C-alpha cells in the first residue's frame, strides 16, 4: 500500500492543502520544492525565493520535512529550448504541458522515487482519477474541492501566507517583465509587416512573429477598427491581420494534430469504427465542444460541432469523453475557411 508520499510544494495554496490533506489521512508526507530556473541569470526573473519561504512556512506549520531540488538543466534542455524553437517556427507553445511532462512527472517523479524512497508523488493539480483522492480504490463519492474551498481550508489551518496568494500564470520566471521584452533576449528581432487580409493593405510593422499569437490584438494606431492576428507567415515574416475580434476568419472548426498521447490506450471507438465522438478543448478555461475525430497519416483530424475563436498551432487539443480525459495532441495546422 501507499504510505510515503512526496508533495511538490510550489509555495502556493493548492500544494499546501494537498500536503495537509495527505497528512490528515495519515500518510508520511515529505515536501519537495523544485527550482527550474536560474534566478541569478539576468535574462529572467523568478519568484522562487519568496515561493520557497512560503513553502517552508507551510511545511513547518504541518511539521513535515522540506527538500529542495534543482532541475535547472533539465528545464533548459527539455522545456525552454523547445519553447524558443517553436516560437521561432511561428507556433505558440504551451510551456505548462512541457513542464508537466518532462519535469513534474518525469524528473521530479524519478528523483523522489530514487532518492526519497517514496511510494507516490502528489501535486496541487486538480483532477479526478480512478485511484481516488488518496490512492484508494475509486469510489463515486471521492473528494472534490473548489478553489474557494481550498483557500478556506488553508485559512482554517493557519496557512495564512498562502491562503490568499494569487495563482501563478504564464511562464513563472518572466515575472513582471513583459513577454515581448523577455523573448527579445533569446530570439533576434526581425521586422515584418502587418497585412490586412481583406484589403491586402500594409497596416503596420512588427519586430518579430515570435512576439505574436493568433487572436491577439495588435494595438495599431490610426485605424477605425482594432486589428487582430489571423496568421503568421514564417517565409515572408509577415503577419496577416483582420479588423475586429469577431471577424469570421478568426473562427474555425477543423484542425489537424501530430501523433496523440493517449493516457490509457487508443479509444476502442477510434480503433474499431474509425471515428471517435467526444469533446474537445484547447484552453482550460473554455467549455468543452463536441467533436468527431479520425486518424490521418500524421496524427488526428478533429472536426468541431461549432467554430472556436483563434484555434492556434502549437497549442494542445485535449479530448474528453464521459468525464474522462482521453489524451491530447499538439495542433499542427488549422483549416482556415476564408469564404465568408
Protein backbone atom coordinates (compact mmCIF):
# COMPACT_ATOMS: atom_id res chain seq x y z
CA UNK A 1 0.00 0.00 0.00
CA UNK A 2 0.99 3.62 -0.47
CA UNK A 3 2.40 5.03 2.76
CA UNK A 4 5.10 7.59 1.98
CA UNK A 5 4.20 10.44 -0.39
CA UNK A 6 6.30 13.33 -1.72
CA UNK A 7 4.34 16.52 -2.38
CA UNK A 8 5.62 19.03 -4.89
CA UNK A 9 5.50 22.23 -2.81
CA UNK A 10 5.24 25.27 -5.05
CA UNK A 11 4.68 27.86 -2.34
CA UNK A 12 1.03 28.14 -3.41
CA UNK A 13 -2.25 27.25 -1.74
CA UNK A 14 -3.02 24.12 -3.80
CA UNK A 15 0.11 22.18 -2.88
CA UNK A 16 -0.14 23.40 0.72
CA UNK A 17 -3.64 21.98 1.12
CA UNK A 18 -2.57 18.82 -0.73
CA UNK A 19 0.12 18.24 1.88
CA UNK A 20 -2.32 18.97 4.71
CA UNK A 21 -4.97 16.56 3.41
CA UNK A 22 -2.44 13.77 2.91
CA UNK A 23 -1.02 14.18 6.40
CA UNK A 24 -4.53 14.29 7.83
CA UNK A 25 -5.15 10.97 6.06
CA UNK A 26 -2.15 9.52 7.95
CA UNK A 27 0.33 9.39 5.09
CA UNK A 28 4.02 10.01 5.74
CA UNK A 29 4.41 13.26 3.83
CA UNK A 30 7.61 14.93 2.63
CA UNK A 31 7.64 18.24 0.80
CA UNK A 32 9.86 18.87 -2.21
CA UNK A 33 10.48 22.33 -3.67
CA UNK A 34 11.61 22.40 -7.30
CA UNK A 35 13.85 25.10 -8.70
CA UNK A 36 13.67 25.08 -12.50
CA UNK A 37 15.16 28.45 -13.47
CA UNK A 38 18.47 30.04 -12.53
CA UNK A 39 17.29 33.21 -10.77
CA UNK A 40 20.84 34.60 -10.92
CA UNK A 41 20.55 34.77 -14.71
CA UNK A 42 19.56 38.32 -15.55
CA UNK A 43 17.58 37.25 -18.61
CA UNK A 44 14.67 36.19 -16.45
CA UNK A 45 13.04 36.85 -13.13
CA UNK A 46 11.88 34.13 -10.78
CA UNK A 47 9.97 34.44 -7.53
CA UNK A 48 11.31 31.13 -6.26
CA UNK A 49 12.97 32.60 -3.14
CA UNK A 50 9.66 34.02 -1.94
CA UNK A 51 7.89 30.83 -3.00
CA UNK A 52 10.48 28.78 -1.09
CA UNK A 53 9.85 30.89 2.01
CA UNK A 54 6.13 30.24 1.72
CA UNK A 55 6.67 26.52 1.15
CA UNK A 56 9.00 26.41 4.18
CA UNK A 57 6.39 28.14 6.35
CA UNK A 58 3.73 25.63 5.29
CA UNK A 59 5.97 22.63 5.97
CA UNK A 60 6.96 23.96 9.40
CA UNK A 61 3.31 24.52 10.20
CA UNK A 62 2.40 20.99 9.09
CA UNK A 63 5.54 19.55 10.72
CA UNK A 64 6.78 17.81 7.61
CA UNK A 65 10.31 17.91 6.11
CA UNK A 66 11.02 20.05 3.05
CA UNK A 67 13.67 19.15 0.47
CA UNK A 68 14.98 21.49 -2.23
CA UNK A 69 15.92 20.05 -5.60
CA UNK A 70 17.27 21.69 -8.77
CA UNK A 71 16.05 20.81 -12.26
CA UNK A 72 17.56 23.86 -14.00
CA UNK A 73 19.48 21.87 -16.60
CA UNK A 74 16.53 19.59 -17.36
CA UNK A 75 14.17 22.56 -17.70
CA UNK A 76 16.51 24.38 -20.04
CA UNK A 77 17.03 21.32 -22.28
CA UNK A 78 13.57 19.78 -22.24
CA UNK A 79 11.29 22.83 -21.95
CA UNK A 80 12.91 26.19 -22.62
CA UNK A 81 14.91 25.33 -25.74
CA UNK A 82 11.80 23.66 -27.21
CA UNK A 83 9.84 26.79 -26.34
CA UNK A 84 12.28 29.00 -28.25
CA UNK A 85 12.36 26.73 -31.33
CA UNK A 86 8.58 26.69 -31.55
CA UNK A 87 8.28 30.46 -31.21
CA UNK A 88 10.86 30.86 -33.99
CA UNK A 89 8.78 28.48 -36.12
CA UNK A 90 5.70 30.66 -35.77
CA UNK A 91 3.96 28.39 -33.26
CA UNK A 92 2.51 29.30 -29.88
CA UNK A 93 3.82 26.60 -27.50
CA UNK A 94 2.38 25.55 -24.15
CA UNK A 95 5.22 25.53 -21.58
CA UNK A 96 2.99 24.17 -18.82
CA UNK A 97 2.36 20.92 -20.69
CA UNK A 98 6.08 20.54 -21.44
CA UNK A 99 6.95 21.23 -17.80
CA UNK A 100 4.39 18.73 -16.54
CA UNK A 101 5.60 16.05 -18.94
CA UNK A 102 9.36 16.41 -18.57
CA UNK A 103 9.85 17.98 -15.14
CA UNK A 104 6.97 17.33 -12.72
CA UNK A 105 6.02 13.85 -13.90
CA UNK A 106 9.46 12.71 -15.05
CA UNK A 107 12.48 14.34 -13.38
CA UNK A 108 10.61 15.12 -10.16
CA UNK A 109 8.96 11.70 -10.04
CA UNK A 110 12.22 9.82 -10.64
CA UNK A 111 14.09 11.93 -8.08
CA UNK A 112 11.51 11.26 -5.39
CA UNK A 113 11.31 7.53 -6.08
CA UNK A 114 15.08 7.04 -6.27
CA UNK A 115 16.32 9.45 -3.61
CA UNK A 116 13.47 9.75 -1.11
CA UNK A 117 12.14 6.20 -1.47
CA UNK A 118 8.53 7.37 -1.66
CA UNK A 119 5.63 5.24 -2.83
CA UNK A 120 3.96 8.04 -4.77
CA UNK A 121 4.13 11.73 -5.60
CA UNK A 122 1.37 14.32 -5.29
CA UNK A 123 0.90 17.85 -6.65
CA UNK A 124 -1.70 20.57 -6.37
CA UNK A 125 -3.20 19.76 -9.77
CA UNK A 126 -6.97 19.37 -9.97
CA UNK A 127 -8.11 16.02 -11.36
CA UNK A 128 -10.29 13.05 -10.55
CA UNK A 129 -8.53 9.73 -11.03
CA UNK A 130 -9.52 6.09 -10.89
CA UNK A 131 -7.26 5.74 -7.84
CA UNK A 132 -9.41 8.06 -5.74
CA UNK A 133 -8.24 11.19 -3.88
CA UNK A 134 -5.94 9.29 -1.52
CA UNK A 135 -4.88 6.44 -3.84
CA UNK A 136 -7.54 4.09 -2.50
CA UNK A 137 -9.79 2.25 -4.91
CA UNK A 138 -12.04 4.51 -6.90
CA UNK A 139 -15.46 5.31 -5.48
CA UNK A 140 -18.16 7.63 -6.71
CA UNK A 141 -18.08 9.95 -3.68
CA UNK A 142 -14.38 10.72 -3.91
CA UNK A 143 -13.44 14.14 -2.57
CA UNK A 144 -13.63 17.17 -4.84
CA UNK A 145 -12.76 20.72 -3.88
CA UNK A 146 -13.45 24.09 -5.44
CA UNK A 147 -10.64 26.65 -5.34
CA UNK A 148 -12.65 28.71 -2.85
CA UNK A 149 -12.87 25.65 -0.57
CA UNK A 150 -9.13 25.03 -0.86
CA UNK A 151 -8.43 28.61 0.23
CA UNK A 152 -10.85 28.25 3.15
CA UNK A 153 -9.12 25.04 4.31
CA UNK A 154 -5.78 26.89 4.21
CA UNK A 155 -7.21 29.72 6.32
CA UNK A 156 -8.71 27.31 8.86
CA UNK A 157 -5.39 25.52 9.25
CA UNK A 158 -3.44 28.74 9.77
CA UNK A 159 -1.68 28.68 6.39
CA UNK A 160 -2.28 32.40 6.11
CA UNK A 161 0.71 33.18 3.89
CA UNK A 162 -0.70 31.09 1.03
CA UNK A 163 -4.46 31.20 1.67
CA UNK A 164 -4.95 34.39 -0.35
CA UNK A 165 -1.84 34.14 -2.54
CA UNK A 166 -2.52 34.74 -6.21
CA UNK A 167 -2.22 31.80 -8.58
CA UNK A 168 0.83 31.77 -10.83
CA UNK A 169 0.06 32.14 -14.52
CA UNK A 170 2.10 32.05 -17.69
CA UNK A 171 5.83 31.41 -17.62
CA UNK A 172 6.80 31.89 -13.98
CA UNK A 173 10.32 33.24 -14.47
CA UNK A 174 9.25 36.11 -16.71
CA UNK A 175 7.67 37.63 -13.63
CA UNK A 176 6.64 41.25 -14.07
CA UNK A 177 8.57 41.62 -17.29
CA UNK A 178 6.61 41.97 -20.49
CA UNK A 179 6.86 38.78 -22.51
CA UNK A 180 7.98 40.64 -25.65
CA UNK A 181 10.92 42.20 -23.80
CA UNK A 182 11.91 38.87 -22.28
CA UNK A 183 11.80 36.85 -25.50
CA UNK A 184 13.92 39.50 -27.27
CA UNK A 185 16.87 38.40 -25.15
CA UNK A 186 16.79 34.96 -26.77
CA UNK A 187 15.35 35.44 -30.28
CA UNK A 188 16.68 38.24 -32.52
CA UNK A 189 14.24 40.82 -33.78
CA UNK A 190 13.19 40.53 -37.41
CA UNK A 191 10.93 43.21 -38.83
CA UNK A 192 7.93 42.45 -40.97
CA UNK A 193 4.56 43.88 -41.94
CA UNK A 194 1.04 43.60 -40.62
CA UNK A 195 -1.19 43.00 -43.67
CA UNK A 196 -4.98 43.29 -43.74
CA UNK A 197 -6.28 40.08 -45.36
CA UNK A 198 -9.43 41.84 -46.61
CA UNK A 199 -7.67 44.64 -48.49
CA UNK A 200 -4.09 43.40 -48.88
CA UNK A 201 -3.00 46.74 -47.42
CA UNK A 202 0.01 47.07 -45.10
CA UNK A 203 -1.41 48.49 -41.87
CA UNK A 204 1.65 48.42 -39.64
CA UNK A 205 5.06 46.98 -38.85
CA UNK A 206 6.20 44.43 -36.25
CA UNK A 207 9.62 43.38 -34.92
CA UNK A 208 9.19 39.60 -34.89
CA UNK A 209 6.50 36.97 -35.44
CA UNK A 210 7.61 35.21 -32.25
CA UNK A 211 6.07 38.04 -30.21
CA UNK A 212 2.55 37.49 -31.52
CA UNK A 213 -0.11 34.80 -31.35
CA UNK A 214 -3.30 34.11 -33.26
CA UNK A 215 -6.25 36.15 -32.00
CA UNK A 216 -4.07 38.72 -30.23
CA UNK A 217 -4.89 42.41 -30.58
CA UNK A 218 -2.20 44.30 -32.47
CA UNK A 219 -2.75 47.80 -30.98
CA UNK A 220 -2.16 49.58 -34.30
CA UNK A 221 -2.81 53.31 -34.38
CA UNK A 222 -4.87 55.39 -36.81
CA UNK A 223 -7.30 52.68 -37.85
CA UNK A 224 -11.04 52.69 -37.29
CA UNK A 225 -11.21 49.06 -36.16
CA UNK A 226 -8.81 47.22 -33.88
CA UNK A 227 -6.73 44.63 -35.72
CA UNK A 228 -6.20 41.03 -34.55
CA UNK A 229 -3.64 38.42 -35.62
CA UNK A 230 -5.04 35.93 -38.13
CA UNK A 231 -1.91 34.10 -39.39
CA UNK A 232 1.88 34.30 -39.19
CA UNK A 233 3.94 33.62 -42.31
CA UNK A 234 7.47 32.48 -41.39
CA UNK A 235 8.60 32.60 -45.04
CA UNK A 236 7.80 36.27 -45.66
CA UNK A 237 7.88 37.22 -41.96
CA UNK A 238 4.54 38.98 -42.43
CA UNK A 239 1.61 38.78 -40.04
CA UNK A 240 -1.85 38.75 -41.59
CA UNK A 241 -4.47 40.54 -39.54
CA UNK A 242 -8.23 41.09 -39.55
CA UNK A 243 -10.33 44.05 -38.39
CA UNK A 244 -12.44 43.23 -35.35
CA UNK A 245 -12.29 40.46 -32.78
CA UNK A 246 -15.38 38.77 -34.27
CA UNK A 247 -14.06 38.65 -37.83
CA UNK A 248 -15.18 35.32 -39.40
CA UNK A 249 -11.62 34.37 -40.38
CA UNK A 250 -10.72 34.01 -36.69
CA UNK A 251 -13.37 31.33 -36.20
CA UNK A 252 -12.65 27.76 -37.35
CA UNK A 253 -13.86 24.23 -36.64
CA UNK A 254 -11.30 21.94 -38.30
CA UNK A 255 -7.77 21.25 -37.11
CA UNK A 256 -5.00 18.68 -37.59
CA UNK A 257 -2.60 17.35 -34.97
CA UNK A 258 0.54 15.29 -34.59
CA UNK A 259 0.57 11.79 -33.08
CA UNK A 260 -1.64 11.85 -29.96
CA UNK A 261 -0.70 10.82 -26.46
CA UNK A 262 -3.45 8.60 -25.02
CA UNK A 263 -3.49 8.46 -21.22
CA UNK A 264 -4.68 4.86 -21.14
CA UNK A 265 -4.94 3.48 -24.66
CA UNK A 266 -6.34 4.47 -28.03
CA UNK A 267 -10.14 4.61 -27.64
CA UNK A 268 -11.85 1.48 -28.98
CA UNK A 269 -14.34 3.65 -30.85
CA UNK A 270 -11.49 5.14 -32.88
CA UNK A 271 -9.72 1.81 -33.39
CA UNK A 272 -12.77 -0.19 -34.47
CA UNK A 273 -15.12 2.35 -36.00
CA UNK A 274 -12.60 4.84 -37.34
CA UNK A 275 -14.49 7.79 -35.86
CA UNK A 276 -14.37 8.92 -32.24
CA UNK A 277 -17.17 11.14 -30.97
CA UNK A 278 -16.02 13.04 -27.93
CA UNK A 279 -15.37 16.55 -26.58
CA UNK A 280 -12.53 18.99 -27.28
CA UNK A 281 -10.87 21.99 -25.70
CA UNK A 282 -7.55 23.75 -26.26
CA UNK A 283 -7.82 26.29 -23.43
CA UNK A 284 -8.51 25.01 -19.93
CA UNK A 285 -10.84 27.90 -19.09
CA UNK A 286 -13.15 27.25 -22.05
CA UNK A 287 -16.18 24.97 -22.28
CA UNK A 288 -15.92 21.54 -23.87
CA UNK A 289 -17.01 21.37 -27.52
CA UNK A 290 -18.49 18.22 -29.13
CA UNK A 291 -16.30 16.88 -31.93
CA UNK A 292 -15.55 13.97 -34.25
CA UNK A 293 -12.02 12.59 -34.50
CA UNK A 294 -10.41 10.42 -37.16
CA UNK A 295 -6.83 9.30 -37.67
CA UNK A 296 -4.65 10.51 -40.52
CA UNK A 297 -1.11 9.62 -41.56
CA UNK A 298 0.45 12.24 -39.28
CA UNK A 299 -1.91 12.23 -36.31
CA UNK A 300 -5.53 13.25 -35.92
CA UNK A 301 -8.14 15.23 -37.83
CA UNK A 302 -10.59 16.92 -35.47
CA UNK A 303 -13.90 18.38 -36.68
CA UNK A 304 -15.72 20.50 -34.10
CA UNK A 305 -19.50 20.79 -33.98
CA UNK A 306 -19.17 24.57 -33.93
CA UNK A 307 -16.42 27.06 -34.59
CA UNK A 308 -14.00 28.33 -31.98
CA UNK A 309 -12.12 31.62 -31.97
CA UNK A 310 -8.36 31.61 -32.52
CA UNK A 311 -7.56 27.92 -32.74
CA UNK A 312 -3.77 28.07 -32.61
CA UNK A 313 -0.93 25.96 -34.00
CA UNK A 314 1.39 24.81 -31.21
CA UNK A 315 -1.34 24.55 -28.59
CA UNK A 316 -2.64 21.17 -27.46
CA UNK A 317 -6.07 19.84 -28.31
CA UNK A 318 -7.33 17.78 -25.36
CA UNK A 319 -10.05 15.16 -25.80
CA UNK A 320 -12.62 14.07 -23.22
CA UNK A 321 -15.46 11.55 -23.03
CA UNK A 322 -17.82 10.58 -20.21
CA UNK A 323 -15.92 12.73 -17.74
CA UNK A 324 -12.56 11.17 -18.64
CA UNK A 325 -9.58 12.89 -20.19
CA UNK A 326 -8.63 10.57 -23.05
CA UNK A 327 -5.42 12.27 -24.13
CA UNK A 328 -4.07 15.15 -26.16
CA UNK A 329 -2.17 16.07 -29.29
CA UNK A 330 -0.34 19.18 -30.48
CA UNK A 331 -2.26 21.20 -33.07
CA UNK A 332 -0.09 21.43 -36.20
CA UNK A 333 -2.44 23.04 -38.69
CA UNK A 334 -5.77 24.84 -38.81
CA UNK A 335 -8.09 24.68 -41.80
CA UNK A 336 -8.88 28.34 -42.37
CA UNK A 337 -12.04 28.86 -44.35
CA UNK A 338 -11.69 32.28 -45.93
CA UNK A 339 -15.06 32.16 -47.71
CA UNK A 340 -17.41 34.30 -45.63
